[in-house]
Amino acid sequence: MKIFQIRSISARFVVLGVGAVATLTAVMMAVAAWQSSIFSAKAQKEVERLVDSDAKHVVETTYQMIASQDALLRQVVEHNLNVAEHIAKAAGGFSFAPETVMWNAVNQFTKQAQTISLPRMLVGGAWLGQHKDPSATVLVVDKVRSLVGGTCTIFQRMNAQGDMLRVATNVIGKDGRRAVGTYIPAVNPDGTPNPVVSTVLRGETYRGVAYVVDAWYVTAYAPIRDTSGHVIGMLYTGVKTESVDAVRKAIMGIRLGKDGYIFVIGGQGDHRGHYIISKDGQRDGENIWEAKDSNGRLFIQEMVKRAVQLKPGESFKIRYPWKNKDDTEPRMKFAFVTYYAPWDWVIGSSAYEDDFGAAFQRLQAGRRQMLWTFLIVGLIAAAASAAALLRFGRSVARPLNQMVQVATSIAEGRLNQQVEHRSTDETGILADAFRKMLAYMQEMAQTARRMAKGDLTVTVT
């Protein structure tokens, strides 16, 4: 109501017009901010969904790649085993000499040694020997290597329990020598039956991943029987999982976002919590089982324990804050994790969440730009409306002010006035009425003056 207390009509027009435009602009900005905030929230969720979908797809693709490579390696191992069995059979088969030989047998897990006397193991009547020198020629195993290029080992049963001693192998240990004299115990250090030995003792061939000397291999272990069918040893062929260059290079070449990568950690056994494949291979073999995030959580342990419980092909997401040496504060990371049980590989695709914030930041920038655009357009519209309404108000107020001045002069007795405004609108009609009234009053004044002078011939209508 205070607006209508303004005396100037043009000022009223300006205030009302600018107020209306400002109100409309404010309403539009409020609606735009509300709708854009809803859109922004939906867009952020969509960006997160796409990022999660991409990360999950990457880890699942890696899982399938490893599974495919595993299937190929198993075929290679199976072929190599057939070759080894054919070579041994063609050479005359396995048997024992009446003479015995002393072995310093070393448990491949605990590294504990024991001295044991065993009959000499023969192939076609020739003793396999106790060759550790890689340059020496060893029956069967070296021929397998020359023909198919795989690793091959001949085991001799040590005792009734079923411990299996390597008596001939082309597997080279870390010391650069053949790994003869080490044995696979029938019972693992944790008290559980060794899956390889228990399978072979049942007269079956073990196929899967096994720890060989100092690394993990895709393997096949076939029982060696005597003429009565009793298991006297086993024949091994295998391919080292970590030596599959194509898989390693493919995994290390995968990138997720700006700094994301694929990693592989051991799930169980002695290599639990150890890096098998790290970013760019820089930390391979490192034990990160005790690693903690910025909140002190043992996230690697949580990750591995959850992973080994997954069904084939399943995955889950884990989030954790992580601070690098060069970071001023922790950054939130996430990882999609799956588990390839045949190789005991915990596979994860890991990345920083803020690496994927660029898209959302662009959306936020667009939202701010839209609001600023609304504000600027509203201000321009308000200024233009003020100028137009001021001009319009003046066009209305000018003739009215003129007629006010004429009316004031008439009230003061000055009838020699003129109303110049002419138009077809309401102000023009009012001006015409003023002119008629002024002409009438001027005529009456003239009549009154004549009568005052004694002219009674005047006719008053």
Protein backbone atom coordinates (compact mmCIF):
# COMPACT_ATOMS: atom_id res chain seq x y z
CA MET A 1 0.00 0.00 0.00
CA LYS A 2 2.96 2.32 0.57
CA ILE A 3 3.51 2.25 -3.18
CA PHE A 4 0.20 4.03 -3.73
CA GLN A 5 1.25 6.72 -1.28
CA ILE A 6 3.92 7.84 -3.77
CA ARG A 7 2.71 11.11 -5.25
CA SER A 8 4.37 10.70 -8.67
CA ILE A 9 2.45 8.47 -11.09
CA SER A 10 5.59 7.79 -13.13
CA ALA A 11 7.40 6.74 -9.95
CA ARG A 12 4.52 4.40 -9.13
CA PHE A 13 4.78 2.83 -12.59
CA VAL A 14 8.53 2.33 -12.18
CA VAL A 15 8.28 0.87 -8.68
CA LEU A 16 5.41 -1.45 -9.61
CA GLY A 17 7.06 -2.57 -12.86
CA VAL A 18 10.51 -3.13 -11.43
CA GLY A 19 8.99 -4.84 -8.41
CA ALA A 20 7.02 -7.17 -10.65
CA VAL A 21 10.08 -8.01 -12.75
CA ALA A 22 12.24 -8.51 -9.64
CA THR A 23 9.59 -10.75 -8.09
CA LEU A 24 9.31 -12.79 -11.27
CA THR A 25 13.10 -13.07 -11.48
CA ALA A 26 13.36 -14.14 -7.84
CA VAL A 27 10.63 -16.74 -8.35
CA MET A 28 12.31 -18.03 -11.50
CA MET A 29 15.68 -18.23 -9.75
CA ALA A 30 14.17 -20.04 -6.78
CA VAL A 31 12.42 -22.52 -9.05
CA ALA A 32 15.58 -22.91 -11.16
CA ALA A 33 17.71 -23.47 -8.05
CA TRP A 34 15.24 -26.00 -6.70
CA GLN A 35 14.93 -27.90 -9.96
CA SER A 36 18.65 -27.73 -10.69
CA SER A 37 19.45 -29.04 -7.21
CA ILE A 38 17.14 -31.99 -7.86
CA PHE A 39 18.73 -32.50 -11.26
CA SER A 40 22.22 -32.14 -9.74
CA ALA A 41 21.48 -34.80 -7.13
CA LYS A 42 20.13 -37.15 -9.80
CA ALA A 43 23.10 -36.40 -12.05
CA GLN A 44 25.54 -37.12 -9.24
CA LYS A 45 23.86 -40.44 -8.54
CA GLU A 46 23.94 -41.24 -12.25
CA VAL A 47 27.65 -40.36 -12.45
CA GLU A 48 28.34 -42.57 -9.42
CA ARG A 49 26.28 -45.36 -10.95
CA LEU A 50 28.21 -45.13 -14.23
CA VAL A 51 31.55 -45.07 -12.41
CA ASP A 52 30.57 -48.07 -10.28
CA SER A 53 29.30 -49.87 -13.35
CA ASP A 54 32.56 -49.18 -15.18
CA ALA A 55 34.73 -50.27 -12.25
CA LYS A 56 32.66 -53.40 -11.73
CA HIS A 57 32.80 -54.18 -15.44
CA VAL A 58 36.59 -53.77 -15.42
CA VAL A 59 37.09 -56.19 -12.52
CA GLU A 60 34.62 -58.69 -14.00
CA THR A 61 36.36 -58.47 -17.37
CA THR A 62 39.69 -59.08 -15.64
CA TYR A 63 38.14 -62.09 -13.89
CA GLN A 64 36.97 -63.51 -17.24
CA MET A 65 40.36 -62.84 -18.81
CA ILE A 66 42.09 -64.76 -16.02
CA ALA A 67 39.53 -67.56 -16.25
CA SER A 68 40.12 -67.82 -19.99
CA GLN A 69 43.88 -67.87 -19.51
CA ASP A 70 43.46 -70.47 -16.78
CA ALA A 71 41.46 -72.69 -19.12
CA LEU A 72 44.18 -72.35 -21.75
CA LEU A 73 46.93 -73.10 -19.23
CA ARG A 74 45.08 -76.16 -18.00
CA GLN A 75 44.97 -77.49 -21.53
CA VAL A 76 48.70 -76.85 -21.87
CA VAL A 77 49.39 -78.53 -18.52
CA GLU A 78 47.20 -81.51 -19.43
CA HIS A 79 49.03 -81.88 -22.73
CA ASN A 80 52.39 -81.65 -20.98
CA LEU A 81 51.31 -84.31 -18.49
CA ASN A 82 50.37 -86.65 -21.32
CA VAL A 83 53.76 -86.01 -22.90
CA ALA A 84 55.56 -86.72 -19.60
CA GLU A 85 53.62 -89.95 -19.03
CA HIS A 86 54.34 -91.06 -22.61
CA ILE A 87 58.07 -90.33 -22.22
CA ALA A 88 58.25 -92.24 -18.91
CA LYS A 89 56.33 -95.20 -20.33
CA ALA A 90 58.42 -95.26 -23.49
CA ALA A 91 61.58 -95.28 -21.35
CA GLY A 92 60.39 -98.36 -19.49
CA GLY A 93 58.33 -96.95 -16.63
CA PHE A 94 59.10 -96.33 -12.96
CA SER A 95 60.56 -98.85 -10.54
CA PHE A 96 62.89 -99.06 -7.53
CA ALA A 97 66.40 -100.43 -7.20
CA PRO A 98 67.33 -102.57 -4.19
CA GLU A 99 69.97 -100.01 -3.22
CA THR A 100 68.98 -97.06 -1.08
CA VAL A 101 70.18 -93.48 -1.04
CA MET A 102 70.20 -90.85 1.68
CA TRP A 103 68.19 -87.67 1.22
CA ASN A 104 68.24 -84.43 3.19
CA ALA A 105 64.51 -83.86 2.75
CA VAL A 106 63.33 -80.23 3.29
CA ASN A 107 59.69 -79.36 3.92
CA GLN A 108 58.82 -76.78 1.25
CA PHE A 109 56.52 -74.90 3.63
CA THR A 110 58.30 -74.95 7.00
CA LYS A 111 61.84 -75.41 5.61
CA GLN A 112 62.48 -78.03 8.29
CA ALA A 113 64.89 -80.77 7.17
CA GLN A 114 65.11 -84.46 7.96
CA THR A 115 67.45 -87.21 6.82
CA ILE A 116 65.74 -90.16 5.21
CA SER A 117 66.86 -93.30 3.38
CA LEU A 118 64.83 -94.28 0.29
CA PRO A 119 65.23 -96.84 -2.51
CA ARG A 120 66.71 -95.42 -5.67
CA MET A 121 63.92 -94.50 -8.13
CA LEU A 122 64.51 -95.80 -11.64
CA VAL A 123 63.13 -95.02 -15.10
CA GLY A 124 63.59 -97.97 -17.43
CA GLY A 125 66.27 -99.33 -15.11
CA ALA A 126 68.28 -96.08 -14.95
CA TRP A 127 68.55 -94.17 -11.69
CA LEU A 128 67.19 -90.62 -11.75
CA GLY A 129 70.08 -89.49 -9.56
CA GLN A 130 70.17 -86.54 -7.20
CA HIS A 131 71.01 -83.86 -9.72
CA LYS A 132 70.80 -80.26 -8.56
CA ASP A 133 73.04 -78.82 -11.25
CA PRO A 134 70.85 -77.25 -13.99
CA SER A 135 73.46 -78.20 -16.60
CA ALA A 136 73.17 -81.92 -15.81
CA THR A 137 70.89 -84.11 -17.92
CA VAL A 138 67.98 -85.62 -15.98
CA LEU A 139 65.76 -88.31 -17.39
CA VAL A 140 62.14 -87.53 -18.37
CA VAL A 141 61.95 -84.01 -16.91
CA ASP A 142 64.54 -82.47 -19.24
CA LYS A 143 63.04 -84.18 -22.26
CA VAL A 144 59.62 -82.79 -21.34
CA ARG A 145 61.14 -79.34 -21.20
CA SER A 146 62.85 -79.76 -24.54
CA LEU A 147 59.64 -80.99 -26.18
CA VAL A 148 56.93 -78.76 -24.68
CA GLY A 149 58.82 -76.21 -22.58
CA GLY A 150 56.90 -76.80 -19.35
CA THR A 151 58.03 -77.60 -15.83
CA CYS A 152 58.09 -81.25 -14.83
CA THR A 153 58.87 -83.04 -11.57
CA ILE A 154 59.02 -86.68 -10.43
CA PHE A 155 58.06 -87.29 -6.78
CA GLN A 156 58.84 -90.35 -4.69
CA ARG A 157 56.64 -91.31 -1.77
CA MET A 158 58.62 -90.94 1.45
CA ASN A 159 56.46 -92.80 3.98
CA ALA A 160 53.10 -94.32 4.75
CA GLN A 161 51.74 -90.87 5.58
CA GLY A 162 52.29 -89.89 1.94
CA ASP A 163 54.89 -87.10 2.03
CA MET A 164 56.14 -86.62 -1.55
CA LEU A 165 59.84 -85.96 -2.19
CA ARG A 166 61.14 -84.30 -5.36
CA VAL A 167 63.72 -86.69 -6.74
CA ALA A 168 63.96 -85.21 -10.24
CA THR A 169 62.82 -81.83 -11.53
CA ASN A 170 63.51 -79.11 -14.05
CA VAL A 171 62.12 -76.49 -11.63
CA ILE A 172 64.90 -74.10 -10.64
CA GLY A 173 64.81 -72.58 -7.14
CA LYS A 174 65.87 -69.13 -6.02
CA ASP A 175 69.39 -70.47 -5.46
CA GLY A 176 69.70 -71.26 -9.17
CA ARG A 177 69.73 -75.02 -8.62
CA ARG A 178 67.24 -77.81 -9.26
CA ALA A 179 64.79 -78.06 -6.38
CA VAL A 180 65.35 -81.77 -5.65
CA GLY A 181 65.34 -82.79 -2.02
CA THR A 182 62.31 -80.65 -1.11
CA TYR A 183 59.04 -82.38 -0.36
CA ILE A 184 55.30 -81.68 -0.20
CA PRO A 185 53.99 -82.77 3.20
CA ALA A 186 50.79 -84.77 3.37
CA VAL A 187 49.63 -82.36 6.09
CA ASN A 188 49.92 -78.60 5.70
CA PRO A 189 51.42 -76.44 8.48
CA ASP A 190 47.92 -75.46 9.59
CA GLY A 191 47.03 -79.13 10.17
CA THR A 192 44.79 -79.55 7.11
CA PRO A 193 45.43 -82.31 4.55
CA ASN A 194 47.41 -81.11 1.59
CA PRO A 195 44.95 -81.15 -1.34
CA VAL A 196 47.55 -82.31 -3.87
CA VAL A 197 48.85 -85.24 -1.85
CA SER A 198 45.43 -86.34 -0.59
CA THR A 199 44.06 -86.35 -4.15
CA VAL A 200 46.99 -88.36 -5.52
CA LEU A 201 46.86 -90.87 -2.63
CA ARG A 202 43.27 -91.58 -3.63
CA GLY A 203 44.59 -92.60 -7.03
CA GLU A 204 43.26 -89.47 -8.74
CA THR A 205 44.97 -86.74 -10.74
CA TYR A 206 45.04 -83.34 -9.05
CA ARG A 207 44.36 -80.41 -11.36
CA GLY A 208 44.47 -76.87 -10.09
CA VAL A 209 46.77 -74.29 -8.57
CA ALA A 210 49.51 -75.49 -6.23
CA TYR A 211 52.53 -74.02 -4.47
CA VAL A 212 55.64 -75.41 -6.16
CA VAL A 213 58.97 -74.75 -4.40
CA ASP A 214 58.59 -70.97 -4.11
CA ALA A 215 55.77 -69.91 -6.41
CA TRP A 216 52.24 -70.75 -7.52
CA TYR A 217 51.61 -72.82 -10.63
CA VAL A 218 48.69 -74.11 -12.67
CA THR A 219 49.40 -77.79 -12.20
CA ALA A 220 48.52 -81.39 -12.79
CA TYR A 221 49.77 -84.17 -10.48
CA ALA A 222 49.20 -87.73 -11.63
CA PRO A 223 49.81 -90.74 -9.36
CA ILE A 224 52.69 -93.09 -10.13
CA ARG A 225 51.77 -96.69 -9.28
CA ASP A 226 53.77 -99.87 -8.95
CA THR A 227 52.74 -103.14 -10.58
CA SER A 228 50.29 -103.85 -7.75
CA GLY A 229 48.57 -100.46 -8.17
CA HIS A 230 50.04 -98.97 -4.99
CA VAL A 231 50.82 -95.20 -5.22
CA ILE A 232 54.61 -94.85 -5.01
CA GLY A 233 54.95 -91.27 -6.19
CA MET A 234 53.52 -88.71 -8.52
CA LEU A 235 54.33 -87.00 -11.81
CA TYR A 236 53.91 -83.24 -12.07
CA THR A 237 53.66 -80.74 -14.92
CA GLY A 238 52.80 -77.08 -14.51
CA VAL A 239 52.95 -73.48 -15.67
CA LYS A 240 53.83 -70.66 -13.30
CA THR A 241 50.85 -68.34 -12.88
CA GLU A 242 52.96 -65.27 -12.22
CA SER A 243 54.99 -65.93 -15.35
CA VAL A 244 52.00 -65.55 -17.66
CA ASP A 245 53.31 -62.36 -19.21
CA ALA A 246 50.22 -61.71 -21.32
CA VAL A 247 47.97 -61.72 -18.26
CA ARG A 248 50.31 -59.61 -16.15
CA LYS A 249 50.87 -57.04 -18.87
CA ALA A 250 47.16 -56.86 -19.62
CA ILE A 251 46.28 -56.38 -15.96
CA MET A 252 49.00 -53.78 -15.35
CA GLY A 253 47.94 -51.95 -18.52
CA ILE A 254 44.36 -51.44 -17.37
CA ARG A 255 43.58 -47.95 -16.05
CA LEU A 256 40.45 -46.76 -14.30
CA GLY A 257 39.93 -43.02 -14.39
CA LYS A 258 43.01 -40.87 -13.86
CA ASP A 259 45.01 -42.97 -11.40
CA GLY A 260 42.92 -46.15 -11.02
CA TYR A 261 44.44 -49.59 -11.57
CA ILE A 262 43.90 -53.33 -11.17
CA PHE A 263 45.62 -55.20 -8.35
CA VAL A 264 45.84 -58.85 -7.34
CA ILE A 265 46.41 -60.07 -3.76
CA GLY A 266 46.87 -63.60 -2.45
CA GLY A 267 43.75 -64.85 -0.73
CA GLN A 268 44.83 -67.78 1.44
CA GLY A 269 47.87 -69.78 2.48
CA ASP A 270 51.40 -68.42 2.76
CA HIS A 271 50.83 -65.71 0.17
CA ARG A 272 47.70 -64.34 1.86
CA GLY A 273 47.75 -60.57 1.81
CA HIS A 274 50.79 -60.40 -0.48
CA TYR A 275 50.76 -58.39 -3.68
CA ILE A 276 50.79 -60.75 -6.65
CA ILE A 277 50.25 -57.95 -9.17
CA SER A 278 50.56 -54.35 -7.98
CA LYS A 279 50.33 -51.04 -9.81
CA ASP A 280 53.00 -51.10 -12.51
CA GLY A 281 54.48 -54.15 -10.72
CA GLN A 282 56.39 -51.91 -8.29
CA ARG A 283 55.23 -53.65 -5.10
CA ASP A 284 54.88 -57.26 -6.28
CA GLY A 285 55.50 -59.70 -3.43
CA GLU A 286 55.04 -57.09 -0.70
CA ASN A 287 53.02 -58.16 2.33
CA ILE A 288 50.20 -55.63 2.87
CA TRP A 289 48.09 -57.81 5.18
CA GLU A 290 48.52 -55.33 8.05
CA ALA A 291 47.85 -52.22 5.94
CA LYS A 292 45.48 -49.70 7.52
CA ASP A 293 43.50 -46.88 5.98
CA SER A 294 43.51 -43.32 7.33
CA ASN A 295 40.93 -44.31 9.95
CA GLY A 296 43.04 -47.20 11.23
CA ARG A 297 40.87 -49.90 9.67
CA LEU A 298 42.57 -53.11 8.49
CA PHE A 299 40.90 -52.78 5.13
CA ILE A 300 43.08 -55.33 3.30
CA GLN A 301 42.14 -58.01 5.80
CA GLU A 302 38.48 -57.07 5.49
CA MET A 303 38.74 -57.08 1.71
CA VAL A 304 40.44 -60.49 1.49
CA LYS A 305 38.19 -62.16 4.07
CA ARG A 306 35.08 -60.99 2.25
CA ALA A 307 36.49 -61.90 -1.16
CA VAL A 308 37.28 -65.54 -0.39
CA GLN A 309 33.63 -66.03 0.61
CA LEU A 310 32.32 -64.90 -2.78
CA LYS A 311 30.74 -67.20 -5.30
CA PRO A 312 32.34 -67.40 -8.77
CA GLY A 313 31.81 -64.15 -10.67
CA GLU A 314 30.48 -62.19 -7.67
CA SER A 315 31.99 -58.88 -6.57
CA PHE A 316 31.53 -56.21 -3.94
CA LYS A 317 32.45 -52.56 -3.39
CA ILE A 318 34.58 -51.27 -0.54
CA ARG A 319 35.39 -47.62 0.28
CA TYR A 320 38.26 -46.37 2.39
CA PRO A 321 40.18 -43.12 2.98
CA TRP A 322 43.79 -43.22 1.89
CA LYS A 323 46.59 -40.67 2.22
CA ASN A 324 49.65 -40.85 0.00
CA LYS A 325 52.97 -39.31 1.02
CA ASP A 326 52.44 -36.29 -1.23
CA ASP A 327 48.81 -35.70 -0.19
CA THR A 328 47.96 -33.04 2.37
CA GLU A 329 44.88 -34.93 3.51
CA PRO A 330 43.29 -38.34 2.89
CA ARG A 331 41.36 -38.96 -0.30
CA MET A 332 38.49 -41.38 -0.54
CA LYS A 333 39.20 -44.50 -2.61
CA PHE A 334 36.95 -47.31 -3.70
CA ALA A 335 37.54 -50.78 -5.03
CA PHE A 336 35.39 -53.43 -6.65
CA VAL A 337 36.71 -56.79 -5.55
CA THR A 338 36.20 -60.34 -6.85
CA TYR A 339 37.90 -63.66 -6.19
CA TYR A 340 39.22 -66.22 -8.65
CA ALA A 341 39.35 -69.31 -6.47
CA PRO A 342 41.28 -71.64 -8.85
CA TRP A 343 44.30 -69.34 -8.58
CA ASP A 344 43.46 -67.98 -5.12
CA TRP A 345 43.60 -64.45 -6.54
CA VAL A 346 41.75 -61.56 -4.91
CA ILE A 347 41.27 -59.17 -7.83
CA GLY A 348 40.37 -55.52 -7.33
CA SER A 349 39.82 -52.42 -9.45
CA SER A 350 40.76 -49.40 -7.35
CA ALA A 351 40.51 -45.65 -7.97
CA TYR A 352 40.11 -42.32 -6.20
CA GLU A 353 36.57 -41.00 -6.13
CA ASP A 354 37.65 -37.45 -6.93
CA ASP A 355 39.19 -38.68 -10.20
CA PHE A 356 35.63 -39.04 -11.43
CA GLY A 357 34.41 -35.75 -9.93
CA ALA A 358 35.22 -33.73 -13.06
CA ALA A 359 31.93 -34.63 -14.75
CA PHE A 360 29.95 -33.73 -11.65
CA GLN A 361 31.94 -30.52 -11.22
CA ARG A 362 31.06 -29.56 -14.80
CA LEU A 363 27.40 -30.14 -13.97
CA GLN A 364 27.73 -27.96 -10.87
CA ALA A 365 29.46 -25.25 -12.92
CA GLY A 366 26.62 -25.42 -15.45
CA ARG A 367 24.11 -25.08 -12.63
CA ARG A 368 25.86 -22.00 -11.25
CA GLN A 369 26.12 -20.51 -14.72
CA MET A 370 22.40 -21.03 -15.25
CA LEU A 371 21.55 -19.25 -11.98
CA TRP A 372 23.86 -16.36 -12.82
CA THR A 373 22.26 -16.14 -16.26
CA PHE A 374 18.81 -15.92 -14.68
CA LEU A 375 20.05 -13.17 -12.35
CA ILE A 376 21.72 -11.14 -15.10
CA VAL A 377 18.72 -11.48 -17.43
CA GLY A 378 16.45 -10.45 -14.55
CA LEU A 379 18.56 -7.36 -13.84
CA ILE A 380 18.61 -6.41 -17.52
CA ALA A 381 14.85 -6.95 -17.73
CA ALA A 382 14.34 -4.86 -14.59
CA ALA A 383 16.48 -2.04 -16.00
CA ALA A 384 14.73 -2.15 -19.36
CA SER A 385 11.32 -2.26 -17.66
CA ALA A 386 12.25 0.68 -15.45
CA ALA A 387 13.29 2.75 -18.49
CA ALA A 388 10.16 1.80 -20.47
CA LEU A 389 7.82 2.36 -17.53
CA LEU A 390 9.50 5.66 -16.67
CA ARG A 391 8.94 6.86 -20.21
CA PHE A 392 5.38 5.58 -20.19
CA GLY A 393 4.71 7.14 -16.79
CA ARG A 394 6.00 10.47 -17.98
CA SER A 395 3.82 10.31 -21.09
CA VAL A 396 0.82 9.85 -18.79
CA ALA A 397 1.88 12.31 -16.12
CA ARG A 398 2.84 15.16 -18.47
CA PRO A 399 -0.70 15.97 -19.78
CA LEU A 400 -2.15 15.42 -16.33
CA ASN A 401 0.35 17.85 -14.83
CA GLN A 402 -0.56 20.37 -17.55
CA MET A 403 -4.23 20.02 -16.79
CA VAL A 404 -3.50 20.39 -13.08
CA GLN A 405 -1.71 23.66 -13.81
CA VAL A 406 -4.68 24.85 -15.96
CA ALA A 407 -7.13 23.94 -13.22
CA THR A 408 -5.00 25.78 -10.63
CA SER A 409 -4.88 28.90 -12.82
CA ILE A 410 -8.67 28.78 -13.31
CA ALA A 411 -9.12 28.49 -9.58
CA GLU A 412 -7.00 31.63 -9.20
CA GLY A 413 -9.20 33.48 -11.76
CA ARG A 414 -6.88 33.24 -14.74
CA LEU A 415 -9.06 31.95 -17.53
CA ASN A 416 -6.71 32.70 -20.39
CA GLN A 417 -5.31 29.16 -20.38
CA GLN A 418 -4.81 26.58 -23.11
CA VAL A 419 -4.67 22.76 -22.98
CA GLU A 420 -2.33 21.58 -25.73
CA HIS A 421 -2.36 17.80 -25.19
CA ARG A 422 -4.18 15.83 -27.83
CA SER A 423 -4.49 12.05 -28.13
CA THR A 424 -7.07 9.36 -28.63
CA ASP A 425 -6.63 7.74 -25.21
CA GLU A 426 -8.22 8.64 -21.90
CA THR A 427 -5.86 11.56 -21.29
CA GLY A 428 -6.79 13.00 -24.69
CA ILE A 429 -10.51 12.70 -23.88
CA LEU A 430 -9.88 14.39 -20.53
CA ALA A 431 -7.96 17.19 -22.30
CA ASP A 432 -10.89 17.70 -24.73
CA ALA A 433 -13.27 17.96 -21.79
CA PHE A 434 -10.95 20.49 -20.16
CA ARG A 435 -10.92 22.55 -23.34
CA LYS A 436 -14.74 22.56 -23.56
CA MET A 437 -15.02 23.50 -19.88
CA LEU A 438 -12.44 26.25 -20.33
CA ALA A 439 -14.23 27.60 -23.44
CA TYR A 440 -17.56 27.63 -21.56
CA MET A 441 -16.08 29.42 -18.56
CA GLN A 442 -14.34 31.94 -20.83
CA GLU A 443 -17.70 32.59 -22.57
CA MET A 444 -19.47 33.06 -19.22
CA ALA A 445 -16.76 35.41 -18.05
CA GLN A 446 -17.09 37.46 -21.23
CA THR A 447 -20.88 37.69 -20.78
CA ALA A 448 -20.45 38.72 -17.15
CA ARG A 449 -18.03 41.49 -18.15
CA ARG A 450 -20.46 42.88 -20.77
CA MET A 451 -23.33 42.88 -18.32
CA ALA A 452 -21.16 44.62 -15.77
CA LYS A 453 -20.59 47.40 -18.27
CA GLY A 454 -24.41 47.83 -18.70
CA ASP A 455 -24.90 45.83 -21.84
CA LEU A 456 -28.18 44.14 -21.09
CA THR A 457 -28.61 42.87 -24.63
CA VAL A 458 -26.51 39.83 -23.83
CA THR A 459 -28.36 36.54 -23.97
CA VAL A 460 -27.29 34.00 -21.38
CA THR A 461 -27.78 30.41 -22.40
